[in-house]
N, C-alpha and C. Protein backbone atom coordinates (compact mmCIF):
# COMPACT_ATOMS: atom_id res chain seq x y z
N UNK A 1 -14.46 24.61 -47.77
CA UNK A 1 -14.24 25.97 -47.64
C UNK A 1 -14.07 26.49 -46.50
N UNK A 2 -13.40 26.29 -45.69
CA UNK A 2 -13.72 26.84 -44.13
C UNK A 2 -13.49 29.01 -44.31
N UNK A 3 -14.34 29.33 -44.40
CA UNK A 3 -14.82 30.52 -44.38
C UNK A 3 -13.98 31.80 -42.95
N UNK A 4 -13.00 32.64 -43.11
CA UNK A 4 -13.03 32.90 -41.93
C UNK A 4 -13.94 34.00 -41.26
N UNK A 5 -14.60 33.96 -40.20
CA UNK A 5 -15.26 34.83 -38.88
C UNK A 5 -15.75 36.35 -39.74
N UNK A 6 -14.49 36.87 -39.74
CA UNK A 6 -14.70 38.60 -40.29
C UNK A 6 -15.29 38.48 -41.99
N UNK A 7 -15.81 37.29 -42.60
CA UNK A 7 -16.05 37.66 -44.23
C UNK A 7 -17.53 37.37 -43.64
N UNK A 8 -17.94 37.07 -42.63
CA UNK A 8 -19.36 36.67 -42.43
C UNK A 8 -20.16 37.73 -42.79
N UNK A 9 -20.22 39.09 -42.46
CA UNK A 9 -21.11 40.11 -42.44
C UNK A 9 -20.87 40.64 -44.01
N UNK A 10 -19.88 40.19 -44.74
CA UNK A 10 -19.83 40.98 -46.11
C UNK A 10 -20.32 39.92 -47.18
N UNK A 11 -20.42 38.78 -46.71
CA UNK A 11 -21.08 37.46 -47.55
C UNK A 11 -22.61 37.71 -47.23
N UNK A 12 -23.37 37.79 -45.95
CA UNK A 12 -24.46 37.55 -45.56
C UNK A 12 -25.32 38.58 -46.60
N UNK A 13 -24.44 39.87 -46.46
CA UNK A 13 -25.70 41.12 -47.32
C UNK A 13 -25.69 40.65 -48.93
N UNK A 14 -24.52 40.17 -49.64
CA UNK A 14 -24.79 40.07 -51.24
C UNK A 14 -25.89 38.74 -50.91
N UNK A 15 -25.39 37.89 -50.22
CA UNK A 15 -26.48 36.30 -50.02
C UNK A 15 -28.01 36.96 -49.61
N UNK A 16 -28.08 37.44 -48.72
CA UNK A 16 -29.60 37.72 -48.89
C UNK A 16 -29.98 38.38 -49.62
N UNK A 17 -29.09 39.98 -50.60
CA UNK A 17 -29.97 40.19 -51.54
C UNK A 17 -30.38 39.68 -52.86
N UNK A 18 -29.41 38.37 -52.74
CA UNK A 18 -29.46 37.46 -53.92
C UNK A 18 -31.19 36.42 -53.88
N UNK A 19 -31.50 36.28 -52.62
CA UNK A 19 -32.48 35.21 -52.02
C UNK A 19 -33.70 36.69 -52.62
N UNK A 20 -33.80 37.48 -52.36
CA UNK A 20 -34.76 38.40 -52.40
C UNK A 20 -35.02 38.97 -53.78
N UNK A 21 -33.89 39.06 -54.52
CA UNK A 21 -33.96 39.08 -55.72
C UNK A 21 -34.81 37.80 -57.07
N UNK A 22 -34.55 37.00 -56.16
CA UNK A 22 -34.73 35.72 -56.90
C UNK A 22 -36.45 35.75 -56.49
N UNK A 23 -36.71 36.22 -55.54
CA UNK A 23 -38.15 35.77 -55.20
C UNK A 23 -38.87 36.94 -55.74
N UNK A 24 -38.48 37.97 -56.24
CA UNK A 24 -39.20 39.20 -57.34
C UNK A 24 -38.62 38.55 -58.05
N UNK A 25 -38.17 38.03 -58.71
CA UNK A 25 -38.22 37.09 -59.98
C UNK A 25 -37.17 37.86 -60.96
N UNK A 26 -36.42 38.60 -60.30
CA UNK A 26 -34.92 39.67 -60.97
C UNK A 26 -33.98 38.17 -61.21
N UNK A 27 -34.28 37.69 -61.99
CA UNK A 27 -33.22 36.17 -62.26
C UNK A 27 -31.65 36.77 -62.54
N UNK A 28 -31.63 37.32 -63.42
CA UNK A 28 -30.13 37.91 -63.81
C UNK A 28 -29.56 38.42 -62.66
N UNK A 29 -29.81 39.62 -62.23
CA UNK A 29 -29.73 40.29 -60.93
C UNK A 29 -28.92 39.37 -59.78
N UNK A 30 -30.51 38.92 -59.43
CA UNK A 30 -29.77 37.50 -58.16
C UNK A 30 -28.90 36.60 -59.01
N UNK A 31 -28.63 36.25 -59.94
CA UNK A 31 -27.42 35.09 -59.88
C UNK A 31 -26.23 36.34 -60.40
N UNK A 32 -26.07 37.29 -60.33
CA UNK A 32 -25.29 38.55 -60.41
C UNK A 32 -24.82 38.75 -58.90
N UNK A 33 -25.77 38.90 -57.99
CA UNK A 33 -25.27 39.33 -56.88
C UNK A 33 -24.53 37.52 -56.09
N UNK A 34 -25.62 36.38 -56.26
CA UNK A 34 -24.93 35.48 -55.82
C UNK A 34 -23.64 35.51 -56.26
N UNK A 35 -23.36 35.60 -57.54
CA UNK A 35 -21.40 35.53 -57.77
C UNK A 35 -20.62 36.44 -56.99
N UNK A 36 -21.29 37.93 -56.65
CA UNK A 36 -20.78 38.52 -55.90
C UNK A 36 -20.48 38.04 -54.41
N UNK A 37 -21.34 37.32 -53.90
CA UNK A 37 -21.04 36.44 -52.42
C UNK A 37 -20.58 35.54 -52.70
N UNK A 38 -20.32 35.03 -53.57
CA UNK A 38 -18.66 33.97 -53.86
C UNK A 38 -17.91 34.43 -53.99
N UNK A 39 -17.47 35.21 -55.06
CA UNK A 39 -16.16 36.21 -54.58
C UNK A 39 -15.49 36.47 -53.22
N UNK A 40 -16.64 36.81 -52.58
CA UNK A 40 -16.16 37.68 -51.01
C UNK A 40 -16.01 36.42 -50.34
N UNK A 41 -16.70 35.33 -50.59
CA UNK A 41 -16.70 34.14 -49.54
C UNK A 41 -14.88 33.64 -50.27
N UNK A 42 -14.91 33.47 -51.93
CA UNK A 42 -13.62 33.42 -51.76
C UNK A 42 -12.36 34.48 -51.44
N UNK A 43 -12.60 35.41 -51.34
CA UNK A 43 -11.73 36.27 -50.35
C UNK A 43 -11.06 36.03 -48.67
N UNK A 44 -12.42 35.62 -48.41
CA UNK A 44 -12.27 35.06 -47.16
C UNK A 44 -12.29 33.79 -46.45
N UNK A 45 -11.67 33.02 -47.91
CA UNK A 45 -11.35 31.55 -47.12
C UNK A 45 -10.34 32.03 -46.25
N UNK A 46 -10.24 30.35 -45.56
CA UNK A 46 -9.17 30.38 -44.29
C UNK A 46 -8.55 28.74 -44.22
N UNK A 47 -8.33 28.32 -45.42
CA UNK A 47 -7.68 26.91 -45.10
C UNK A 47 -6.80 26.63 -44.12
N UNK A 48 -6.67 25.17 -43.93
CA UNK A 48 -5.66 24.54 -42.70
C UNK A 48 -4.10 24.76 -43.43
N UNK A 49 -3.47 24.86 -42.70
CA UNK A 49 -1.93 24.65 -43.31
C UNK A 49 -0.92 23.92 -42.23
N UNK A 50 -0.11 22.83 -42.83
CA UNK A 50 0.67 22.21 -42.06
C UNK A 50 2.03 23.03 -41.83
N UNK A 51 2.45 23.59 -40.72
CA UNK A 51 4.00 24.05 -40.39
C UNK A 51 4.95 23.10 -40.47
N UNK A 52 5.98 23.32 -41.12
CA UNK A 52 7.12 22.21 -40.75
C UNK A 52 7.67 22.32 -39.06
N UNK A 53 7.27 22.95 -38.37
CA UNK A 53 7.05 22.94 -37.09
C UNK A 53 9.01 22.71 -36.51
N UNK A 54 9.74 23.54 -37.45
CA UNK A 54 11.45 23.19 -37.27
C UNK A 54 11.66 24.42 -36.44
N UNK A 55 11.89 24.29 -34.85
CA UNK A 55 12.51 25.87 -34.63
C UNK A 55 13.66 26.36 -35.04
N UNK A 56 14.39 25.82 -36.06
CA UNK A 56 15.11 27.22 -36.94
C UNK A 56 14.72 27.75 -37.88
N UNK A 57 13.68 27.21 -38.42
CA UNK A 57 12.61 27.70 -39.65
C UNK A 57 11.43 29.14 -39.24
N UNK A 58 11.55 29.90 -39.90
CA UNK A 58 11.38 31.21 -40.23
C UNK A 58 9.78 30.60 -40.83
N UNK A 59 8.53 31.10 -41.19
CA UNK A 59 7.85 30.42 -42.04
C UNK A 59 7.34 31.40 -42.26
N UNK A 60 6.58 31.88 -43.92
CA UNK A 60 6.21 32.49 -44.23
C UNK A 60 4.42 33.13 -43.40
N UNK A 61 4.67 34.11 -42.85
CA UNK A 61 3.11 35.18 -42.49
C UNK A 61 1.92 35.15 -42.97
N UNK A 62 1.98 35.70 -44.86
CA UNK A 62 1.56 35.38 -45.32
C UNK A 62 1.55 34.34 -46.70
N UNK A 63 0.16 34.64 -47.50
CA UNK A 63 0.37 34.28 -49.09
C UNK A 63 0.93 35.39 -49.63
N UNK A 64 1.67 34.88 -50.85
CA UNK A 64 2.09 35.78 -52.08
C UNK A 64 3.16 35.92 -52.30
N UNK A 65 3.74 36.61 -53.05
CA UNK A 65 5.07 37.21 -53.86
C UNK A 65 5.70 37.98 -53.25
N UNK A 66 7.31 37.40 -53.28
CA UNK A 66 8.51 38.38 -52.30
C UNK A 66 8.49 39.33 -53.29
N UNK A 67 8.24 40.54 -52.46
CA UNK A 67 8.64 41.93 -53.39
C UNK A 67 10.06 42.58 -53.18
N UNK A 68 10.16 42.17 -51.67
CA UNK A 68 11.38 42.65 -50.73
C UNK A 68 12.48 41.89 -50.27
N UNK A 69 13.76 42.18 -50.51
CA UNK A 69 14.15 41.14 -49.83
C UNK A 69 15.92 42.01 -49.65
N UNK A 70 16.07 42.73 -48.40
CA UNK A 70 17.26 43.17 -48.30
C UNK A 70 17.63 43.59 -46.68
N UNK A 71 19.11 43.93 -46.26
CA UNK A 71 19.27 44.33 -45.46
C UNK A 71 19.26 45.62 -45.21
N UNK A 72 18.24 46.01 -43.91
CA UNK A 72 18.18 47.37 -43.98
C UNK A 72 18.30 47.76 -41.95
N UNK A 73 17.80 48.65 -41.59
CA UNK A 73 18.11 49.22 -40.42
C UNK A 73 16.72 49.24 -39.66
N UNK A 74 16.22 48.20 -38.45
CA UNK A 74 15.30 47.93 -38.32
C UNK A 74 14.85 49.10 -36.49
N UNK A 75 14.28 50.55 -36.73
CA UNK A 75 14.12 50.91 -35.49
C UNK A 75 13.45 50.81 -34.21
N UNK A 76 12.03 50.02 -34.37
CA UNK A 76 11.35 50.06 -33.30
C UNK A 76 11.69 48.69 -32.69
N UNK A 77 11.64 47.53 -33.15
CA UNK A 77 11.86 46.20 -31.75
C UNK A 77 13.32 45.69 -32.21
N UNK A 78 13.85 45.31 -32.98
CA UNK A 78 15.03 45.02 -33.53
C UNK A 78 16.26 45.94 -33.02
N UNK A 79 15.95 47.58 -33.22
CA UNK A 79 16.75 48.16 -33.03
C UNK A 79 17.97 47.88 -33.37
N UNK A 80 18.41 47.00 -34.67
CA UNK A 80 20.01 47.18 -35.30
C UNK A 80 19.84 46.40 -36.48
N UNK A 81 20.80 46.55 -37.55
CA UNK A 81 20.21 45.91 -38.56
C UNK A 81 19.85 44.73 -38.40
N UNK A 82 19.00 44.19 -39.93
CA UNK A 82 18.00 43.40 -39.97
C UNK A 82 17.84 42.99 -41.50
N UNK A 83 16.83 41.56 -41.23
CA UNK A 83 16.78 41.01 -42.76
C UNK A 83 15.32 41.81 -43.54
N UNK A 84 14.85 42.61 -43.97
CA UNK A 84 13.46 43.04 -44.24
C UNK A 84 13.31 41.96 -45.41
N UNK A 85 12.23 41.29 -45.22
CA UNK A 85 11.47 40.30 -45.90
C UNK A 85 9.96 40.48 -46.88
N UNK A 86 9.60 41.26 -47.90
CA UNK A 86 8.08 42.14 -47.71
C UNK A 86 7.63 41.36 -49.03
N UNK A 87 6.45 40.82 -48.58
CA UNK A 87 5.30 39.32 -49.64
C UNK A 87 3.81 40.62 -49.81
N UNK A 88 3.85 40.89 -51.40
CA UNK A 88 2.53 40.98 -51.85
C UNK A 88 1.41 40.33 -51.56
N UNK A 89 0.42 41.02 -51.45
CA UNK A 89 -0.95 39.87 -51.07
C UNK A 89 -1.74 40.31 -52.47
N UNK A 90 -2.10 39.90 -53.59
CA UNK A 90 -3.29 39.95 -54.07
C UNK A 90 -4.05 40.18 -53.76
N UNK A 91 -5.46 40.17 -54.54
CA UNK A 91 -6.98 40.22 -53.75
C UNK A 91 -7.28 38.70 -53.89
N UNK A 92 -6.40 38.15 -54.82
CA UNK A 92 -6.71 36.77 -55.40
C UNK A 92 -5.91 35.42 -54.38
N UNK A 93 -5.19 36.44 -53.69
CA UNK A 93 -4.52 34.98 -52.14
C UNK A 93 -5.64 35.17 -51.02
N UNK A 94 -4.83 34.08 -50.06
CA UNK A 94 -5.32 34.19 -48.84
C UNK A 94 -4.98 34.83 -47.79
N UNK A 95 -6.15 35.72 -47.13
CA UNK A 95 -5.35 36.96 -46.56
C UNK A 95 -5.21 36.87 -45.13
N UNK A 96 -5.58 35.69 -44.64
CA UNK A 96 -5.30 35.79 -43.16
C UNK A 96 -4.00 35.25 -42.75
N UNK A 97 -3.28 36.01 -41.83
CA UNK A 97 -2.00 36.11 -41.72
C UNK A 97 -1.70 34.84 -40.77
N UNK A 98 -0.37 34.34 -40.47
CA UNK A 98 0.21 33.08 -39.36
C UNK A 98 1.36 33.63 -38.89
N UNK A 99 1.14 33.05 -37.07
CA UNK A 99 2.67 33.18 -36.92
C UNK A 99 3.73 32.51 -37.96
N UNK A 100 4.96 33.32 -37.76
CA UNK A 100 6.12 32.74 -38.72
C UNK A 100 7.19 32.19 -37.66
N UNK A 101 6.54 31.70 -36.24
CA UNK A 101 7.57 31.03 -35.65
C UNK A 101 6.80 30.84 -34.32
N UNK A 102 6.99 30.41 -33.29
CA UNK A 102 6.60 29.74 -32.09
C UNK A 102 6.62 30.80 -30.94
N UNK A 103 6.30 31.65 -30.30
CA UNK A 103 6.51 32.36 -29.24
C UNK A 103 5.49 33.34 -28.61
N UNK A 104 6.19 34.39 -28.12
CA UNK A 104 4.61 35.50 -27.79
C UNK A 104 4.94 36.55 -28.45
N UNK A 105 3.59 37.34 -28.09
CA UNK A 105 3.41 38.81 -28.83
C UNK A 105 3.41 39.53 -27.49
N UNK A 106 4.91 40.35 -27.89
CA UNK A 106 5.11 41.31 -26.66
C UNK A 106 4.42 42.61 -26.80
N UNK A 107 3.77 43.32 -27.71
CA UNK A 107 3.30 44.59 -27.95
C UNK A 107 2.87 44.30 -29.41
N UNK A 108 1.54 44.96 -29.39
CA UNK A 108 1.25 45.25 -31.09
C UNK A 108 0.43 46.81 -31.09
N UNK A 109 0.29 47.57 -31.79
CA UNK A 109 0.71 48.63 -32.66
C UNK A 109 -0.03 48.96 -33.37
N UNK A 110 -1.02 49.97 -33.81
CA UNK A 110 -1.69 50.47 -34.71
C UNK A 110 -1.17 51.87 -35.46
N UNK A 111 -0.83 52.09 -36.79
CA UNK A 111 -0.52 53.21 -37.20
C UNK A 111 -1.33 53.69 -37.98
N UNK A 112 -2.43 54.58 -38.01
CA UNK A 112 -3.09 54.84 -39.02
C UNK A 112 -2.14 55.95 -40.05
N UNK A 113 -3.07 56.17 -41.45
CA UNK A 113 -1.86 56.10 -42.66
C UNK A 113 -2.81 56.15 -43.59
N UNK A 114 -2.74 56.74 -45.13
CA UNK A 114 -2.80 56.56 -45.87
C UNK A 114 -3.37 55.01 -46.75
N UNK A 115 -3.60 55.08 -47.94
CA UNK A 115 -4.00 53.70 -49.05
C UNK A 115 -3.47 53.37 -49.83
N UNK A 116 -2.01 53.94 -50.23
CA UNK A 116 -1.49 53.96 -51.40
C UNK A 116 -1.56 52.45 -51.71
N UNK A 117 -1.13 51.91 -53.27
CA UNK A 117 -0.89 50.81 -53.67
C UNK A 117 0.05 49.97 -52.89
N UNK A 118 -0.34 48.24 -52.27
CA UNK A 118 0.40 48.01 -51.64
C UNK A 118 2.07 47.85 -51.80
N UNK A 119 1.62 47.25 -53.38
CA UNK A 119 3.27 47.25 -53.88
C UNK A 119 4.28 48.61 -54.09
N UNK A 120 3.55 49.71 -53.72
CA UNK A 120 4.22 51.35 -53.66
C UNK A 120 5.23 51.20 -52.49
N UNK A 121 6.90 51.12 -53.13
CA UNK A 121 7.38 51.34 -51.92
C UNK A 121 7.21 52.33 -50.94
N UNK A 122 6.66 53.24 -51.00
CA UNK A 122 6.30 54.30 -50.03
C UNK A 122 5.31 53.49 -49.17
N UNK A 123 4.45 52.85 -48.87
CA UNK A 123 3.43 51.69 -48.24
C UNK A 123 3.72 51.60 -46.97
N UNK A 124 4.83 50.89 -47.13
CA UNK A 124 5.08 50.85 -45.97
C UNK A 124 5.88 51.81 -44.92
N UNK A 125 5.74 53.10 -45.21
CA UNK A 125 5.85 54.30 -43.87
C UNK A 125 4.70 55.09 -43.94
N UNK A 126 3.85 55.12 -45.03
CA UNK A 126 2.86 56.11 -45.29
C UNK A 126 1.72 55.21 -45.27
N UNK A 127 0.97 54.01 -45.30
CA UNK A 127 -0.13 53.80 -44.74
C UNK A 127 -0.59 53.04 -43.65
N UNK A 128 -1.65 53.04 -43.46
CA UNK A 128 -2.24 52.83 -42.52
C UNK A 128 -1.36 50.99 -42.31
N UNK A 129 -1.06 50.59 -41.09
CA UNK A 129 -0.55 49.13 -40.80
C UNK A 129 -0.46 49.11 -39.34
N UNK A 130 -0.25 47.82 -38.92
CA UNK A 130 -0.04 46.87 -37.78
C UNK A 130 1.12 46.77 -37.35
N UNK A 131 1.94 46.38 -36.49
CA UNK A 131 3.20 46.39 -36.04
C UNK A 131 2.91 44.97 -35.06
N UNK A 132 3.00 43.48 -35.05
CA UNK A 132 3.54 42.73 -34.26
C UNK A 132 4.64 42.17 -33.48
N UNK A 133 4.99 43.02 -32.18
CA UNK A 133 5.94 43.16 -31.96
C UNK A 133 6.32 41.36 -31.24
N UNK A 134 6.98 40.36 -31.66
CA UNK A 134 7.11 38.83 -31.42
C UNK A 134 8.23 38.55 -30.56
N UNK A 135 8.22 38.04 -29.74
CA UNK A 135 9.89 37.60 -29.08
C UNK A 135 9.52 35.29 -29.44
N UNK A 136 10.61 34.99 -30.19
CA UNK A 136 10.41 33.77 -30.23
C UNK A 136 10.72 32.92 -28.99
N UNK A 137 10.45 31.69 -29.06
CA UNK A 137 10.94 30.77 -27.86
C UNK A 137 12.36 31.07 -27.32
N UNK A 138 13.18 31.16 -28.10
CA UNK A 138 14.37 31.82 -27.41
C UNK A 138 14.65 33.03 -27.17
N UNK A 139 13.65 33.54 -27.14
CA UNK A 139 13.94 35.57 -26.70
C UNK A 139 14.31 36.15 -27.89
N UNK A 140 14.45 35.35 -28.91
CA UNK A 140 15.01 36.32 -30.15
C UNK A 140 13.75 37.14 -30.75
N UNK A 141 14.03 38.57 -31.02
CA UNK A 141 13.05 39.10 -31.71
C UNK A 141 12.98 39.26 -33.32
N UNK A 142 11.33 39.27 -33.37
CA UNK A 142 10.65 39.36 -34.27
C UNK A 142 10.09 40.49 -34.85
N UNK A 143 9.81 41.12 -36.47
CA UNK A 143 8.85 42.04 -36.39
C UNK A 143 8.12 41.81 -37.60
N UNK A 144 6.41 41.25 -37.23
CA UNK A 144 5.49 41.31 -38.39
C UNK A 144 5.02 42.60 -38.65
N UNK A 145 4.88 43.42 -39.91
CA UNK A 145 3.48 44.47 -39.88
C UNK A 145 3.49 44.33 -41.27
N UNK A 146 1.57 44.63 -40.70
CA UNK A 146 0.85 44.35 -41.77
C UNK A 146 0.69 45.47 -41.88
N UNK A 147 0.35 46.14 -43.82
CA UNK A 147 0.51 47.16 -44.61
C UNK A 147 -0.96 46.90 -44.97
N UNK A 148 -1.82 47.90 -44.97
CA UNK A 148 -3.23 48.07 -45.61
C UNK A 148 -2.67 48.69 -47.07
N UNK A 149 -3.44 48.40 -47.96
CA UNK A 149 -3.25 48.92 -49.50
C UNK A 149 -4.19 50.14 -49.79
N UNK A 150 -4.47 49.96 -51.70
CA UNK A 150 -5.30 50.75 -51.70
C UNK A 150 -6.86 50.24 -51.34
N UNK A 151 -6.78 48.74 -51.79
CA UNK A 151 -8.33 48.33 -51.49
C UNK A 151 -8.29 47.79 -49.96
N UNK A 152 -7.08 47.21 -48.96
CA UNK A 152 -7.60 47.28 -47.70
C UNK A 152 -8.12 48.37 -46.90
N UNK A 153 -8.52 48.17 -46.63
CA UNK A 153 -8.46 49.36 -45.51
C UNK A 153 -8.97 48.88 -43.87
N UNK A 154 -8.27 47.79 -43.75
CA UNK A 154 -8.26 47.80 -41.95
C UNK A 154 -7.19 46.14 -41.91
N UNK A 155 -6.69 46.57 -41.03
CA UNK A 155 -6.10 45.15 -40.58
C UNK A 155 -6.72 44.77 -39.34
N UNK A 156 -6.75 43.26 -39.17
CA UNK A 156 -7.34 42.81 -38.10
C UNK A 156 -6.53 41.89 -37.08
N UNK A 157 -6.52 42.41 -35.96
CA UNK A 157 -5.76 41.15 -35.05
C UNK A 157 -6.12 39.89 -34.46
N UNK A 158 -5.74 38.96 -34.50
CA UNK A 158 -6.69 38.07 -33.76
C UNK A 158 -5.92 37.36 -32.39
N UNK A 159 -4.81 38.13 -32.22
CA UNK A 159 -3.95 38.03 -31.14
C UNK A 159 -4.11 39.17 -30.25
N UNK A 160 -3.95 38.75 -29.01
CA UNK A 160 -3.45 40.42 -27.94
C UNK A 160 -2.25 39.88 -27.58
N UNK A 161 -1.43 41.47 -26.82
CA UNK A 161 -0.36 41.26 -26.27
C UNK A 161 -0.47 40.68 -24.82
N UNK A 162 0.80 40.06 -25.11
CA UNK A 162 0.93 38.90 -23.72
C UNK A 162 0.60 37.08 -24.07
N UNK A 163 0.16 37.24 -25.25
CA UNK A 163 -0.53 35.99 -25.61
C UNK A 163 0.55 35.00 -26.34
N UNK A 164 0.98 33.82 -25.83
CA UNK A 164 1.62 33.10 -26.48
C UNK A 164 0.65 31.93 -28.06
N UNK A 165 1.83 31.76 -28.82
CA UNK A 165 1.30 31.61 -30.03
C UNK A 165 2.33 30.08 -30.78
N UNK A 166 1.84 29.05 -31.83
CA UNK A 166 2.44 28.29 -31.95
C UNK A 166 2.54 28.60 -33.67
N UNK A 167 3.78 28.38 -34.11
CA UNK A 167 4.25 28.19 -35.49
C UNK A 167 2.87 28.09 -36.50
N UNK A 168 2.72 28.90 -37.30
CA UNK A 168 1.61 28.49 -38.39
C UNK A 168 -0.12 29.23 -37.80
N UNK A 169 0.06 29.34 -36.06
CA UNK A 169 -1.34 29.83 -35.94
C UNK A 169 -1.82 31.08 -36.35
N UNK A 170 -2.95 31.31 -36.60
CA UNK A 170 -3.44 32.45 -37.36
C UNK A 170 -3.71 33.87 -36.12
N UNK A 171 -2.52 34.52 -37.13
CA UNK A 171 -2.52 35.87 -35.83
C UNK A 171 -3.36 37.45 -36.38
N UNK A 172 -3.91 37.12 -37.52
CA UNK A 172 -5.08 38.31 -38.27
C UNK A 172 -4.78 38.35 -39.61
N UNK A 173 -5.57 39.22 -40.20
CA UNK A 173 -5.72 39.57 -41.50
C UNK A 173 -6.12 40.94 -42.09
N UNK A 174 -5.78 40.93 -43.38
CA UNK A 174 -5.91 42.43 -43.97
C UNK A 174 -6.81 42.03 -45.08
N UNK A 175 -7.83 43.23 -44.83
CA UNK A 175 -8.84 43.02 -45.73
C UNK A 175 -8.78 43.98 -47.51
N UNK A 176 -8.96 42.96 -48.08
CA UNK A 176 -8.58 43.19 -49.89
C UNK A 176 -7.46 43.71 -50.60
N UNK A 177 -6.55 43.01 -50.99
CA UNK A 177 -5.31 43.77 -51.35
C UNK A 177 -4.33 44.01 -50.50
N UNK A 178 -2.70 43.72 -50.34
CA UNK A 178 -2.25 44.07 -48.95
C UNK A 178 -0.76 43.72 -49.13
N UNK A 179 -0.13 44.11 -48.64
CA UNK A 179 1.59 43.78 -48.10
C UNK A 179 1.66 43.30 -46.56
N UNK A 180 2.56 42.05 -46.24
CA UNK A 180 2.95 42.52 -45.15
C UNK A 180 4.51 42.25 -45.07
N UNK A 181 5.53 43.17 -43.81
CA UNK A 181 6.72 42.74 -44.10
C UNK A 181 7.56 41.97 -42.73
N UNK A 182 8.41 40.79 -42.78
CA UNK A 182 8.78 40.22 -41.95
C UNK A 182 10.42 40.96 -41.34
N UNK A 183 10.75 41.66 -40.25
CA UNK A 183 12.08 41.70 -40.13
C UNK A 183 12.77 40.99 -39.07
N UNK A 184 13.74 40.06 -39.62
CA UNK A 184 14.80 39.04 -38.67
C UNK A 184 15.48 39.51 -38.74
N UNK A 185 16.38 39.13 -37.10
CA UNK A 185 17.92 39.43 -36.96
C UNK A 185 18.48 38.86 -38.19
N UNK A 186 19.63 39.68 -38.00
CA UNK A 186 20.96 39.96 -39.49
C UNK A 186 21.34 38.26 -39.59
N UNK A 187 21.54 37.78 -38.41
CA UNK A 187 22.44 36.42 -38.22
C UNK A 187 21.08 35.25 -39.36
N UNK A 188 19.97 35.70 -39.90
CA UNK A 188 18.82 34.91 -40.44
C UNK A 188 19.88 34.55 -41.32
N UNK A 189 19.32 33.81 -42.24
CA UNK A 189 19.96 32.87 -43.51
C UNK A 189 18.40 33.23 -44.45
N UNK A 190 18.29 33.77 -45.47
CA UNK A 190 17.16 33.84 -45.92
C UNK A 190 17.19 32.67 -47.07
N UNK A 191 15.96 31.87 -47.55
CA UNK A 191 16.11 30.90 -48.29
C UNK A 191 14.56 31.35 -49.50
N UNK A 192 14.45 32.63 -49.30
CA UNK A 192 13.75 32.92 -50.53
C UNK A 192 14.49 33.74 -51.64
N UNK A 193 13.88 34.43 -52.54
CA UNK A 193 14.44 35.42 -53.45
C UNK A 193 13.25 35.95 -53.89
N UNK A 194 13.15 37.38 -54.38
CA UNK A 194 12.43 38.28 -55.29
C UNK A 194 11.80 37.52 -56.21
N UNK A 195 10.47 37.74 -55.82
CA UNK A 195 9.43 36.68 -57.08
C UNK A 195 9.10 35.64 -56.48
N UNK A 196 9.28 35.09 -55.46
CA UNK A 196 9.44 33.97 -54.82
C UNK A 196 8.25 33.97 -54.65
N UNK A 197 7.27 33.00 -54.86
CA UNK A 197 5.79 32.59 -54.58
C UNK A 197 5.99 31.96 -52.84
N UNK A 198 4.66 32.17 -51.85
CA UNK A 198 4.75 31.80 -50.75
C UNK A 198 3.51 31.65 -50.14
N UNK A 199 3.59 30.80 -49.22
CA UNK A 199 2.22 30.36 -48.65
C UNK A 199 2.48 30.30 -47.29
N UNK A 200 1.18 31.29 -46.32
CA UNK A 200 1.32 31.21 -45.22
C UNK A 200 1.45 30.00 -43.75
N UNK A 201 2.47 30.06 -43.39
CA UNK A 201 2.03 29.37 -42.52
C UNK A 201 3.01 27.86 -43.06
N UNK A 202 3.50 28.05 -44.11
CA UNK A 202 4.01 26.70 -44.71
C UNK A 202 5.59 26.73 -45.19
N UNK A 203 5.54 28.12 -46.19
CA UNK A 203 6.96 28.50 -47.09
C UNK A 203 7.56 28.87 -45.67
N UNK A 204 8.92 27.74 -45.88
CA UNK A 204 9.83 28.55 -45.38
C UNK A 204 10.74 30.00 -45.83
N UNK A 205 10.74 31.01 -44.95
CA UNK A 205 11.76 32.02 -45.58
C UNK A 205 12.82 32.40 -44.71
N UNK A 206 12.95 31.63 -43.83
CA UNK A 206 14.46 31.81 -43.45
C UNK A 206 14.89 30.73 -42.43
N UNK A 207 16.25 30.46 -42.22
CA UNK A 207 16.67 29.29 -40.94
C UNK A 207 17.28 30.65 -40.19
N UNK A 208 16.55 30.66 -38.74
CA UNK A 208 17.16 31.84 -37.81
C UNK A 208 17.98 30.25 -36.76
N UNK A 209 19.13 30.24 -36.39
CA UNK A 209 19.29 29.21 -35.37
C UNK A 209 18.42 29.50 -33.66
N UNK A 210 18.12 28.75 -33.67
CA UNK A 210 18.08 28.95 -31.90
C UNK A 210 19.40 29.55 -31.25
N UNK A 211 19.06 30.53 -29.90
CA UNK A 211 20.22 31.31 -29.23
C UNK A 211 20.70 29.67 -28.35
N UNK A 212 21.89 30.32 -29.05
CA UNK A 212 22.60 28.98 -28.04
C UNK A 212 22.60 29.36 -26.48
N UNK A 213 22.45 27.95 -25.72
CA UNK A 213 22.42 28.09 -24.32
C UNK A 213 20.32 27.98 -24.00
N UNK A 214 19.47 27.55 -25.50
CA UNK A 214 18.42 27.82 -25.07
C UNK A 214 17.92 26.47 -24.77
N UNK A 215 17.01 26.33 -23.80
CA UNK A 215 16.14 24.75 -23.11
C UNK A 215 15.18 25.34 -23.17
N UNK A 216 14.50 24.09 -23.80
CA UNK A 216 13.09 24.00 -23.92
C UNK A 216 12.41 23.72 -22.66
N UNK A 217 11.55 24.73 -22.36
CA UNK A 217 10.87 24.43 -20.37
C UNK A 217 9.50 23.17 -21.01
């Protein structure tokens, strides 16, 4: 099982504590500490994913369950009516987030905030969050927002402004239970419904046709 490097400090501490407790003959305590190290390792697991690589598909950036699917006005990046798709990530889900399309990261913005439960509707405007302003290969804008939750106290980006990425590539993670919001142009056709279980980098969220006249470079 691949473990994301972000998790190594959190796994190493209880693993070393377990070893020390074992040497001291405190077997039960050592076993419990080893179990906690294993649980943390499970949270930071980072399996390989195989995106469909269909240029008209937008894939899920997160593992979890669809809790929001609606039309709304997006004022930061699209600056017009858009589809909002919200994904709730439980502590049992993989927390590495992936690029929903191939393109470039035009900008990234961190917004400090509170730590309401991630499923709370107010979380997306009050909690700590990180905005990823994406341009697909045909220059269509998409917005991905990492929202920290009651247990998730940090959003971690893996890419920087100006970098290009491929669909399904790792772009960041959130620690310990959270949610991810995706905003798509209104002419996208959603392929999911409320309650739908999705996998980062693999599950299609919507069809968003390439802009007419786009020529691959």
